[in-house]
C-alpha atoms as a PDB file:
ATOM      1  CA  UNK A   1      -0.086   0.038  -0.100  1.00  0.00           C
ATOM      2  CA  UNK A   2       1.209   3.421  -0.900  1.00  0.00           C
ATOM      3  CA  UNK A   3       2.081   5.865   2.057  1.00  0.00           C
ATOM      4  CA  UNK A   4      -0.454   8.464   2.915  1.00  0.00           C
ATOM      5  CA  UNK A   5       1.097  11.737   1.822  1.00  0.00           C
ATOM      6  CA  UNK A   6      -0.883  14.267   3.876  1.00  0.00           C
ATOM      7  CA  UNK A   7      -2.310  14.436   7.371  1.00  0.00           C
ATOM      8  CA  UNK A   8      -5.505  12.298   7.910  1.00  0.00           C
ATOM      9  CA  UNK A   9      -8.896  13.715   8.586  1.00  0.00           C
ATOM     10  CA  UNK A  10      -9.100  14.105  12.321  1.00  0.00           C
ATOM     11  CA  UNK A  11     -12.657  13.573  13.643  1.00  0.00           C
ATOM     12  CA  UNK A  12     -14.472  16.695  14.847  1.00  0.00           C
ATOM     13  CA  UNK A  13     -17.344  15.032  16.513  1.00  0.00           C
ATOM     14  CA  UNK A  14     -16.919  12.448  19.248  1.00  0.00           C
ATOM     15  CA  UNK A  15     -20.648  11.642  19.300  1.00  0.00           C
ATOM     16  CA  UNK A  16     -22.380   9.416  16.732  1.00  0.00           C
ATOM     17  CA  UNK A  17     -23.816  11.175  13.782  1.00  0.00           C
ATOM     18  CA  UNK A  18     -27.047   9.759  12.166  1.00  0.00           C
ATOM     19  CA  UNK A  19     -27.213  10.585   8.408  1.00  0.00           C
ATOM     20  CA  UNK A  20     -30.876  11.712   9.268  1.00  0.00           C
ATOM     21  CA  UNK A  21     -29.058  14.590  10.988  1.00  0.00           C
ATOM     22  CA  UNK A  22     -27.501  15.758   7.831  1.00  0.00           C
ATOM     23  CA  UNK A  23     -30.602  16.174   5.581  1.00  0.00           C
ATOM     24  CA  UNK A  24     -30.558  19.166   3.068  1.00  0.00           C
ATOM     25  CA  UNK A  25     -28.486  20.704   0.553  1.00  0.00           C
ATOM     26  CA  UNK A  26     -24.608  20.907   0.732  1.00  0.00           C
ATOM     27  CA  UNK A  27     -21.957  22.826  -1.431  1.00  0.00           C
ATOM     28  CA  UNK A  28     -19.558  19.991  -2.498  1.00  0.00           C
ATOM     29  CA  UNK A  29     -15.856  20.403  -3.362  1.00  0.00           C
ATOM     30  CA  UNK A  30     -13.665  17.373  -4.079  1.00  0.00           C
ATOM     31  CA  UNK A  31     -10.101  17.259  -4.942  1.00  0.00           C
ATOM     32  CA  UNK A  32      -8.728  14.066  -6.674  1.00  0.00           C
ATOM     33  CA  UNK A  33      -5.092  13.138  -6.927  1.00  0.00           C
ATOM     34  CA  UNK A  34      -4.010  10.400  -9.261  1.00  0.00           C
ATOM     35  CA  UNK A  35      -0.500   9.357  -7.974  1.00  0.00           C
ATOM     36  CA  UNK A  36      -0.085   7.024 -10.887  1.00  0.00           C
ATOM     37  CA  UNK A  37      -0.352   9.734 -13.634  1.00  0.00           C
ATOM     38  CA  UNK A  38       2.524  10.481 -15.816  1.00  0.00           C
ATOM     39  CA  UNK A  39       4.955  12.754 -14.052  1.00  0.00           C
ATOM     40  CA  UNK A  40       3.977  11.457 -10.689  1.00  0.00           C
ATOM     41  CA  UNK A  41       0.666  13.105 -10.053  1.00  0.00           C
ATOM     42  CA  UNK A  42      -2.376  14.599 -11.745  1.00  0.00           C
ATOM     43  CA  UNK A  43      -5.010  16.643  -9.939  1.00  0.00           C
ATOM     44  CA  UNK A  44      -8.699  17.109 -10.720  1.00  0.00           C
ATOM     45  CA  UNK A  45     -11.626  18.647  -8.956  1.00  0.00           C
ATOM     46  CA  UNK A  46     -15.404  18.448  -8.568  1.00  0.00           C
ATOM     47  CA  UNK A  47     -17.579  21.200  -7.665  1.00  0.00           C
ATOM     48  CA  UNK A  48     -21.275  20.782  -7.325  1.00  0.00           C
ATOM     49  CA  UNK A  49     -24.094  19.938  -4.784  1.00  0.00           C
ATOM     50  CA  UNK A  50     -24.729  17.063  -2.352  1.00  0.00           C
ATOM     51  CA  UNK A  51     -28.378  16.621  -1.554  1.00  0.00           C
ATOM     52  CA  UNK A  52     -29.297  14.292   1.557  1.00  0.00           C
ATOM     53  CA  UNK A  53     -33.051  13.342   1.515  1.00  0.00           C
ATOM     54  CA  UNK A  54     -34.971  11.034   3.764  1.00  0.00           C
ATOM     55  CA  UNK A  55     -36.687   8.271   1.444  1.00  0.00           C
ATOM     56  CA  UNK A  56     -38.141   6.296   4.287  1.00  0.00           C
ATOM     57  CA  UNK A  57     -37.790   5.968   8.092  1.00  0.00           C
ATOM     58  CA  UNK A  58     -34.672   4.022   7.840  1.00  0.00           C
ATOM     59  CA  UNK A  59     -33.149   5.349   4.496  1.00  0.00           C
ATOM     60  CA  UNK A  60     -31.308   8.550   3.343  1.00  0.00           C
ATOM     61  CA  UNK A  61     -30.640   9.189  -0.333  1.00  0.00           C
ATOM     62  CA  UNK A  62     -27.109  10.530  -0.939  1.00  0.00           C
ATOM     63  CA  UNK A  63     -27.091  12.318  -4.267  1.00  0.00           C
ATOM     64  CA  UNK A  64     -23.974  14.270  -5.711  1.00  0.00           C
ATOM     65  CA  UNK A  65     -24.156  16.171  -8.955  1.00  0.00           C
ATOM     66  CA  UNK A  66     -21.503  18.569 -10.256  1.00  0.00           C
ATOM     67  CA  UNK A  67     -18.580  19.265 -12.760  1.00  0.00           C
ATOM     68  CA  UNK A  68     -15.432  17.348 -12.914  1.00  0.00           C
ATOM     69  CA  UNK A  69     -12.425  19.347 -13.937  1.00  0.00           C
ATOM     70  CA  UNK A  70      -9.638  17.012 -15.151  1.00  0.00           C
ATOM     71  CA  UNK A  71      -6.758  17.422 -17.664  1.00  0.00           C
ATOM     72  CA  UNK A  72      -8.334  20.715 -18.982  1.00  0.00           C
ATOM     73  CA  UNK A  73     -11.679  19.151 -19.725  1.00  0.00           C
ATOM     74  CA  UNK A  74     -14.970  19.505 -17.948  1.00  0.00           C
ATOM     75  CA  UNK A  75     -17.489  16.710 -17.420  1.00  0.00           C
ATOM     76  CA  UNK A  76     -20.823  16.497 -15.809  1.00  0.00           C
ATOM     77  CA  UNK A  77     -20.719  13.860 -12.914  1.00  0.00           C
ATOM     78  CA  UNK A  78     -23.086  12.433 -10.424  1.00  0.00           C
ATOM     79  CA  UNK A  79     -23.771   9.503  -8.190  1.00  0.00           C
ATOM     80  CA  UNK A  80     -26.321   8.267  -5.754  1.00  0.00           C
ATOM     81  CA  UNK A  81     -25.772   6.358  -2.575  1.00  0.00           C
ATOM     82  CA  UNK A  82     -28.390   4.976  -0.227  1.00  0.00           C
ATOM     83  CA  UNK A  83     -27.683   4.950   3.487  1.00  0.00           C
ATOM     84  CA  UNK A  84     -29.908   2.323   5.278  1.00  0.00           C
ATOM     85  CA  UNK A  85     -30.479   1.371   8.731  1.00  0.00           C
ATOM     86  CA  UNK A  86     -30.813  -2.245   9.794  1.00  0.00           C
ATOM     87  CA  UNK A  87     -30.226  -4.199  12.922  1.00  0.00           C
ATOM     88  CA  UNK A  88     -26.531  -3.664  12.674  1.00  0.00           C
ATOM     89  CA  UNK A  89     -26.711   0.029  12.272  1.00  0.00           C
ATOM     90  CA  UNK A  90     -26.371   2.502   9.357  1.00  0.00           C
ATOM     91  CA  UNK A  91     -24.830   1.093   6.115  1.00  0.00           C
ATOM     92  CA  UNK A  92     -23.972   2.957   2.923  1.00  0.00           C
ATOM     93  CA  UNK A  93     -25.031   1.153  -0.278  1.00  0.00           C
ATOM     94  CA  UNK A  94     -24.586   1.845  -3.912  1.00  0.00           C
ATOM     95  CA  UNK A  95     -27.720   2.741  -5.820  1.00  0.00           C
ATOM     96  CA  UNK A  96     -27.974  -0.788  -7.118  1.00  0.00           C
ATOM     97  CA  UNK A  97     -28.178  -2.083  -3.611  1.00  0.00           C
ATOM     98  CA  UNK A  98     -24.696  -3.494  -3.065  1.00  0.00           C
ATOM     99  CA  UNK A  99     -23.095  -2.560   0.193  1.00  0.00           C
ATOM    100  CA  UNK A 100     -20.287   0.004   0.160  1.00  0.00           C
ATOM    101  CA  UNK A 101     -19.313   0.524   3.713  1.00  0.00           C
ATOM    102  CA  UNK A 102     -20.728   0.868   7.299  1.00  0.00           C
ATOM    103  CA  UNK A 103     -21.646   4.434   8.262  1.00  0.00           C
ATOM    104  CA  UNK A 104     -19.253   5.156  11.041  1.00  0.00           C
ATOM    105  CA  UNK A 105     -18.258   8.840  11.098  1.00  0.00           C
ATOM    106  CA  UNK A 106     -14.790   9.338  12.722  1.00  0.00           C
ATOM    107  CA  UNK A 107     -13.804   5.665  12.165  1.00  0.00           C
ATOM    108  CA  UNK A 108     -11.843   4.247   9.302  1.00  0.00           C
ATOM    109  CA  UNK A 109     -13.834   2.033   6.875  1.00  0.00           C
ATOM    110  CA  UNK A 110     -12.650  -0.241   4.135  1.00  0.00           C
ATOM    111  CA  UNK A 111     -14.086  -1.277   0.885  1.00  0.00           C
ATOM    112  CA  UNK A 112     -12.503  -3.787  -1.427  1.00  0.00           C
ATOM    113  CA  UNK A 113     -13.209  -3.140  -5.077  1.00  0.00           C
ATOM    114  CA  UNK A 114     -11.849  -6.056  -7.155  1.00  0.00           C
ATOM    115  CA  UNK A 115      -8.087  -5.993  -6.379  1.00  0.00           C
ATOM    116  CA  UNK A 116      -8.103  -2.449  -5.180  1.00  0.00           C
ATOM    117  CA  UNK A 117      -8.678  -1.160  -1.733  1.00  0.00           C
ATOM    118  CA  UNK A 118     -10.669   1.951  -0.680  1.00  0.00           C
ATOM    119  CA  UNK A 119      -9.846   3.103   2.910  1.00  0.00           C
ATOM    120  CA  UNK A 120     -11.685   6.146   4.051  1.00  0.00           C
ATOM    121  CA  UNK A 121     -13.147   8.131   6.856  1.00  0.00           C
ATOM    122  CA  UNK A 122     -16.315  10.313   6.928  1.00  0.00           C
ATOM    123  CA  UNK A 123     -16.027  13.167   9.406  1.00  0.00           C
ATOM    124  CA  UNK A 124     -18.866  15.544  10.507  1.00  0.00           C
ATOM    125  CA  UNK A 125     -18.146  18.788  12.472  1.00  0.00           C
ATOM    126  CA  UNK A 126     -19.886  18.961  15.768  1.00  0.00           C
ATOM    127  CA  UNK A 127     -22.149  21.694  14.586  1.00  0.00           C
ATOM    128  CA  UNK A 128     -23.293  19.645  11.604  1.00  0.00           C
ATOM    129  CA  UNK A 129     -22.340  22.362   8.967  1.00  0.00           C
ATOM    130  CA  UNK A 130     -19.238  20.758   7.637  1.00  0.00           C
ATOM    131  CA  UNK A 131     -19.001  17.106   6.337  1.00  0.00           C
ATOM    132  CA  UNK A 132     -15.648  15.714   5.042  1.00  0.00           C
ATOM    133  CA  UNK A 133     -14.932  12.485   3.315  1.00  0.00           C
ATOM    134  CA  UNK A 134     -11.246  11.207   2.756  1.00  0.00           C
ATOM    135  CA  UNK A 135     -10.622   8.064   0.456  1.00  0.00           C
ATOM    136  CA  UNK A 136      -7.096   6.557  -0.265  1.00  0.00           C
ATOM    137  CA  UNK A 137      -7.413   4.153  -3.086  1.00  0.00           C
ATOM    138  CA  UNK A 138      -4.511   1.657  -3.564  1.00  0.00           C
ATOM    139  CA  UNK A 139      -4.007  -1.560  -5.491  1.00  0.00           C
ATOM    140  CA  UNK A 140      -2.641  -2.794  -8.887  1.00  0.00           C
ATOM    141  CA  UNK A 141      -4.826  -0.384 -10.846  1.00  0.00           C
ATOM    142  CA  UNK A 142      -5.135   2.619  -8.537  1.00  0.00           C
ATOM    143  CA  UNK A 143      -3.120   4.917  -6.420  1.00  0.00           C
ATOM    144  CA  UNK A 144      -5.305   7.968  -5.574  1.00  0.00           C
ATOM    145  CA  UNK A 145      -6.614  10.289  -2.823  1.00  0.00           C
ATOM    146  CA  UNK A 146     -10.004  11.691  -2.991  1.00  0.00           C
ATOM    147  CA  UNK A 147     -10.777  14.539  -0.379  1.00  0.00           C
ATOM    148  CA  UNK A 148     -14.366  15.889  -0.235  1.00  0.00           C
ATOM    149  CA  UNK A 149     -15.616  18.806   1.707  1.00  0.00           C
ATOM    150  CA  UNK A 150     -19.271  19.770   1.919  1.00  0.00           C
ATOM    151  CA  UNK A 151     -20.596  22.852   3.660  1.00  0.00           C
ATOM    152  CA  UNK A 152     -24.345  23.015   4.610  1.00  0.00           C
ATOM    153  CA  UNK A 153     -26.256  25.669   2.629  1.00  0.00           C
ATOM    154  CA  UNK A 154     -28.278  28.264   4.576  1.00  0.00           C
END
């Protein structure tokens, strides 16, 4: 595994944060660093919106929509995740229903993706106005870091 090259996200909130506490609109900014790019690094950015909506008593829809700027090009991007509660607690799922990772703000989570591994942490500031997500992706086909910062609107 490649070494992490910058300081990890330090959790801001010691108390558990349910995704239902984060409903609403957020300004989303993501920085992507591809450490395998020619020349050692390539950077990209996503700017857009994160919308968290309750779709049931035990489900929150996480929808991102924005513009990716990469290598001088711009591309519309979006994704939808579902955060569902069951007897084990909250779990993040891909839109097609596959499990992604447990919802555990402040704790490191791992998601194997074929031969690559995603290790990340979700952090929510104590006042619930800033949400940060850090992913380090390593493996035979990827060596990247994704840092997302969302600020609650209003």
